[in-house]
C-alpha cells in the first residue's frame, strides 16, 4: 500500500514499457490528487502536473488527470501542513455605574479578572458607563462577546446567571444615550452600525439595589459575594470558547 497522500509532490518515473503518453511525462513534477483502488484491488495514484496550464480547472478535470502505479513515482516533498487555526477572539466587557450601588457589579468582576492571565485574543475591558465606546469595540468582529452586568431579572438577589440577549427586534439608535449601558441597547446600537455580533452572552447578577437617586458607592453584601462566582463563570466560558465550544 502506498504511503503517498493527496498534496504530496512527486517526480514521474513511468515504466520503460509503459504507455507512450506516460513515457512522455518522465521526469515531470506533479502533485498527488488522490489515491484510488480499482476493482482488482490495485492502487493507482492520480496526479496533476505542476506545469499543466489546465490545473486551474481542478484535479478532477478529465483531460488533466494522470494515473500511475505507486512504484512509478519518486517522492519529492510532503504535502504542506495546514496552518494552525487562529484562536478565537473574545471580548469580556464589564459594564455598569460604580456610583449606583450594585450597578457596579460588572466593573468589579472585570477588576477581579484583571489579575488573571489570558491567552492572546482574549480582551477583558472595563467599559463602565461608556456606551459608545463599547458599541465601537463591538465593531471589531469578535468571535465571542461576554457582557458582565447587574441585571434585574426577578431572581433571588445575588444570583448569577448566563443569558443570551434578544437583540433581533427593531430599535432606534438615535435615542441612545452616551451613558446608556443597558446591554441590549448597546448591542442594538452596534448592530445598527454594522456589527455582526456573533455569540453574545450576558453573565448577569440579580441586584439588591441600584442605589438611591443621589448615588451610592459599593456593592451590597449579597452581590459582592457573587463577584468571585461570576468571574469563575466567565473563566469557564472563555476556556470553553478557546477549546472550540460555541456556547
Protein backbone atom coordinates (compact mmCIF):
# COMPACT_ATOMS: atom_id res chain seq x y z
CA UNK A 1 0.00 0.00 0.00
CA UNK A 2 1.35 3.44 -0.96
CA UNK A 3 2.10 5.95 1.74
CA UNK A 4 1.55 8.87 -0.63
CA UNK A 5 -1.07 11.40 0.42
CA UNK A 6 -3.04 13.99 -1.54
CA UNK A 7 -0.91 17.10 -1.88
CA UNK A 8 2.43 15.21 -1.87
CA UNK A 9 4.85 16.28 -4.60
CA UNK A 10 6.30 13.51 -6.77
CA UNK A 11 8.52 13.01 -9.82
CA UNK A 12 7.08 10.80 -12.56
CA UNK A 13 9.12 7.70 -13.47
CA UNK A 14 6.91 5.61 -15.78
CA UNK A 15 7.92 2.04 -16.60
CA UNK A 16 10.07 1.64 -19.71
CA UNK A 17 7.36 -0.37 -21.46
CA UNK A 18 4.56 1.81 -20.22
CA UNK A 19 2.01 3.79 -22.15
CA UNK A 20 3.60 6.15 -24.70
CA UNK A 21 1.76 9.12 -23.18
CA UNK A 22 3.05 8.22 -19.73
CA UNK A 23 6.60 7.87 -21.04
CA UNK A 24 6.38 11.40 -22.45
CA UNK A 25 5.89 12.66 -18.88
CA UNK A 26 9.04 11.05 -17.49
CA UNK A 27 10.86 13.38 -15.08
CA UNK A 28 7.91 15.77 -14.70
CA UNK A 29 6.94 17.03 -11.26
CA UNK A 30 3.37 16.63 -10.11
CA UNK A 31 1.07 16.76 -7.09
CA UNK A 32 -0.90 13.79 -5.86
CA UNK A 33 -4.61 14.48 -6.28
CA UNK A 34 -5.88 11.20 -4.85
CA UNK A 35 -5.06 7.54 -4.34
CA UNK A 36 -7.65 5.19 -5.81
CA UNK A 37 -8.19 1.43 -5.99
CA UNK A 38 -9.62 -0.45 -8.97
CA UNK A 39 -11.92 -3.47 -8.96
CA UNK A 40 -8.93 -5.81 -8.87
CA UNK A 41 -7.69 -4.13 -5.72
CA UNK A 42 -4.71 -2.44 -7.36
CA UNK A 43 -3.81 1.09 -6.29
CA UNK A 44 -3.45 3.94 -8.72
CA UNK A 45 -2.10 7.35 -7.83
CA UNK A 46 -3.84 10.24 -9.56
CA UNK A 47 -1.55 13.20 -10.21
CA UNK A 48 -1.76 16.69 -11.70
CA UNK A 49 1.36 18.11 -13.36
CA UNK A 50 2.97 21.17 -11.80
CA UNK A 51 3.32 22.89 -15.18
CA UNK A 52 -0.04 21.81 -16.59
CA UNK A 53 -1.77 25.03 -17.72
CA UNK A 54 -5.11 23.33 -17.16
CA UNK A 55 -4.51 22.65 -13.46
CA UNK A 56 -6.61 25.69 -12.57
CA UNK A 57 -9.61 23.65 -13.71
CA UNK A 58 -9.04 21.41 -10.70
CA UNK A 59 -7.69 17.89 -10.23
CA UNK A 60 -10.97 16.29 -11.39
CA UNK A 61 -10.71 17.76 -14.90
CA UNK A 62 -10.58 14.54 -17.04
CA UNK A 63 -8.02 15.80 -19.57
CA UNK A 64 -5.51 16.68 -16.85
CA UNK A 65 -5.57 13.66 -14.54
CA UNK A 66 -2.85 11.07 -14.94
CA UNK A 67 -2.79 7.63 -13.34
CA UNK A 68 0.42 5.97 -12.20
CA UNK A 69 1.29 2.96 -10.13
CA UNK A 70 2.90 3.86 -6.78
CA UNK A 71 6.22 2.34 -7.98
CA UNK A 72 6.33 4.81 -10.87
CA UNK A 73 6.52 7.82 -8.58
CA UNK A 74 9.50 9.24 -6.74
CA UNK A 75 8.53 11.04 -3.54
CA UNK A 76 9.85 14.62 -3.54
CA UNK A 77 8.02 16.63 -0.89
CA UNK A 78 5.26 16.05 1.64
CA UNK A 79 2.04 17.98 1.43
CA UNK A 80 2.21 21.26 3.28
CA UNK A 81 0.78 21.13 6.76
CA UNK A 82 -2.42 23.15 7.05
CA UNK A 83 -1.87 26.35 9.01
CA UNK A 84 -2.80 26.28 12.65
CA UNK A 85 -6.23 27.82 13.12
CA UNK A 86 -6.19 31.20 14.78
CA UNK A 87 -7.53 31.18 18.33
CA UNK A 88 -10.96 32.79 18.71
CA UNK A 89 -11.09 36.47 19.63
CA UNK A 90 -13.07 37.01 22.81
CA UNK A 91 -14.22 40.26 24.41
CA UNK A 92 -15.19 40.33 28.08
CA UNK A 93 -16.84 43.67 28.80
CA UNK A 94 -17.66 44.84 32.30
CA UNK A 95 -20.41 47.45 32.28
CA UNK A 96 -22.14 49.50 34.96
CA UNK A 97 -22.01 52.58 37.13
CA UNK A 98 -19.91 52.23 40.30
CA UNK A 99 -21.80 55.20 41.82
CA UNK A 100 -25.14 53.38 41.66
CA UNK A 101 -24.83 50.56 44.17
CA UNK A 102 -24.99 47.07 42.66
CA UNK A 103 -24.89 48.53 39.15
CA UNK A 104 -21.11 48.44 39.57
CA UNK A 105 -21.15 44.63 39.59
CA UNK A 106 -19.81 44.17 36.06
CA UNK A 107 -16.97 46.60 36.66
CA UNK A 108 -16.00 44.78 39.85
CA UNK A 109 -16.00 41.37 38.12
CA UNK A 110 -13.70 42.67 35.38
CA UNK A 111 -11.42 44.21 38.01
CA UNK A 112 -11.26 40.77 39.63
CA UNK A 113 -10.46 39.16 36.26
CA UNK A 114 -7.74 41.72 35.52
CA UNK A 115 -5.48 39.80 37.91
CA UNK A 116 -5.69 36.72 35.65
CA UNK A 117 -3.56 35.97 32.60
CA UNK A 118 -5.46 35.07 29.44
CA UNK A 119 -4.21 33.88 26.04
CA UNK A 120 -3.75 36.27 23.14
CA UNK A 121 -7.06 37.24 21.62
CA UNK A 122 -8.91 37.49 24.94
CA UNK A 123 -9.60 41.11 25.88
CA UNK A 124 -11.02 41.91 29.32
CA UNK A 125 -12.12 45.56 29.47
CA UNK A 126 -13.88 47.79 31.99
CA UNK A 127 -16.26 49.96 29.92
CA UNK A 128 -18.08 51.45 32.90
CA UNK A 129 -20.75 53.77 31.51
CA UNK A 130 -19.03 54.37 28.16
CA UNK A 131 -21.81 53.05 25.95
CA UNK A 132 -20.48 54.43 22.66
CA UNK A 133 -17.02 53.04 23.38
CA UNK A 134 -18.45 49.57 23.89
CA UNK A 135 -20.59 49.80 20.76
CA UNK A 136 -17.50 50.85 18.80
CA UNK A 137 -15.48 47.95 20.27
CA UNK A 138 -18.17 45.52 19.16
CA UNK A 139 -17.47 46.58 15.57
CA UNK A 140 -14.17 44.73 15.82
CA UNK A 141 -15.78 41.39 14.90
CA UNK A 142 -15.07 39.29 17.97
CA UNK A 143 -15.87 35.58 17.76
CA UNK A 144 -17.41 35.70 21.23
CA UNK A 145 -18.63 38.55 23.41
CA UNK A 146 -19.32 38.21 27.15
CA UNK A 147 -21.02 41.17 28.80
CA UNK A 148 -20.96 41.27 32.60
CA UNK A 149 -23.66 43.35 34.24
CA UNK A 150 -26.15 43.65 37.08
CA UNK A 151 -29.47 42.59 35.54
CA UNK A 152 -32.81 42.90 37.37
CA UNK A 153 -34.42 39.62 36.28
CA UNK A 154 -36.77 38.87 39.15
CA UNK A 155 -34.43 36.28 40.69
CA UNK A 156 -33.07 35.99 44.19
CA UNK A 157 -30.68 38.92 44.84
CA UNK A 158 -27.09 37.80 44.34
CA UNK A 159 -27.99 35.02 41.86
CA UNK A 160 -25.52 34.71 38.96
CA UNK A 161 -26.88 33.54 35.60
CA UNK A 162 -25.97 33.41 31.90
CA UNK A 163 -28.45 34.58 29.27
CA UNK A 164 -28.44 35.19 25.54
CA UNK A 165 -29.75 38.71 24.87
CA UNK A 166 -32.65 39.33 22.49
CA UNK A 167 -31.41 41.97 20.06
CA UNK A 168 -33.37 40.95 16.99
CA UNK A 169 -36.31 43.30 17.05
CA UNK A 170 -36.03 46.85 15.79
CA UNK A 171 -34.81 49.77 17.87
CA UNK A 172 -33.96 53.38 17.18
CA UNK A 173 -30.24 54.03 17.75
CA UNK A 174 -30.91 57.76 17.54
CA UNK A 175 -32.47 57.59 21.01
CA UNK A 176 -29.33 56.04 22.51
CA UNK A 177 -27.67 58.00 25.32
CA UNK A 178 -23.87 58.03 25.58
CA UNK A 179 -24.12 56.77 29.16
CA UNK A 180 -26.81 54.18 28.45
CA UNK A 181 -25.14 50.89 29.39
CA UNK A 182 -28.17 48.63 29.17
CA UNK A 183 -26.53 45.68 27.35
CA UNK A 184 -29.34 45.16 24.84
CA UNK A 185 -29.43 48.86 23.95
CA UNK A 186 -25.67 48.90 23.33
CA UNK A 187 -25.85 45.72 21.25
CA UNK A 188 -28.65 47.15 19.11
CA UNK A 189 -26.66 50.31 18.53
CA UNK A 190 -23.62 48.25 17.49
CA UNK A 191 -25.76 46.17 15.13
CA UNK A 192 -27.27 49.31 13.63
CA UNK A 193 -23.71 50.42 12.87
CA UNK A 194 -22.98 47.13 11.07
CA UNK A 195 -21.52 44.87 13.78
CA UNK A 196 -22.10 41.14 13.19
CA UNK A 197 -22.40 40.31 16.92
CA UNK A 198 -21.57 36.62 16.90
CA UNK A 199 -22.10 34.51 20.03
CA UNK A 200 -23.06 37.18 22.57
CA UNK A 201 -23.78 36.19 26.17
CA UNK A 202 -24.53 38.16 29.30
CA UNK A 203 -23.20 36.99 32.66
CA UNK A 204 -25.62 38.73 34.97
CA UNK A 205 -26.31 39.08 38.66
CA UNK A 206 -29.62 39.94 40.27
CA UNK A 207 -29.02 43.22 42.17
CA UNK A 208 -30.25 44.06 45.63
CA UNK A 209 -30.30 47.78 44.93
CA UNK A 210 -29.19 50.09 42.16
CA UNK A 211 -28.79 52.88 44.68
CA UNK A 212 -30.84 55.97 45.53
CA UNK A 213 -31.13 58.82 43.00
CA UNK A 214 -28.28 60.67 44.67
CA UNK A 215 -26.00 57.67 44.18
CA UNK A 216 -24.41 55.05 46.37
CA UNK A 217 -20.90 53.64 46.33
CA UNK A 218 -20.18 49.95 46.85
CA UNK A 219 -21.96 46.67 46.26
CA UNK A 220 -24.45 45.12 48.62
CA UNK A 221 -23.16 42.13 50.60
CA UNK A 222 -25.04 39.56 48.51
CA UNK A 223 -23.86 40.94 45.18
CA UNK A 224 -20.30 41.44 46.40
CA UNK A 225 -20.24 37.76 47.38
CA UNK A 226 -21.29 36.87 43.81
CA UNK A 227 -18.30 38.61 42.18
CA UNK A 228 -15.94 35.63 42.52
CA UNK A 229 -18.63 33.24 41.30
CA UNK A 230 -19.32 35.37 38.22
CA UNK A 231 -15.59 35.68 37.49
CA UNK A 232 -15.35 31.88 37.61
CA UNK A 233 -18.28 31.57 35.20
CA UNK A 234 -16.56 33.95 32.79
CA UNK A 235 -13.31 31.97 33.01
CA UNK A 236 -15.17 28.74 32.29
CA UNK A 237 -16.85 30.31 29.26
CA UNK A 238 -13.51 31.59 27.96
CA UNK A 239 -11.96 28.13 28.35
CA UNK A 240 -14.91 26.57 26.53
CA UNK A 241 -14.67 29.00 23.63
CA UNK A 242 -10.89 28.55 23.35
CA UNK A 243 -11.45 24.80 23.11
CA UNK A 244 -13.91 25.14 20.24
CA UNK A 245 -17.20 25.23 22.12
CA UNK A 246 -19.83 27.65 20.89
CA UNK A 247 -21.98 28.07 24.00
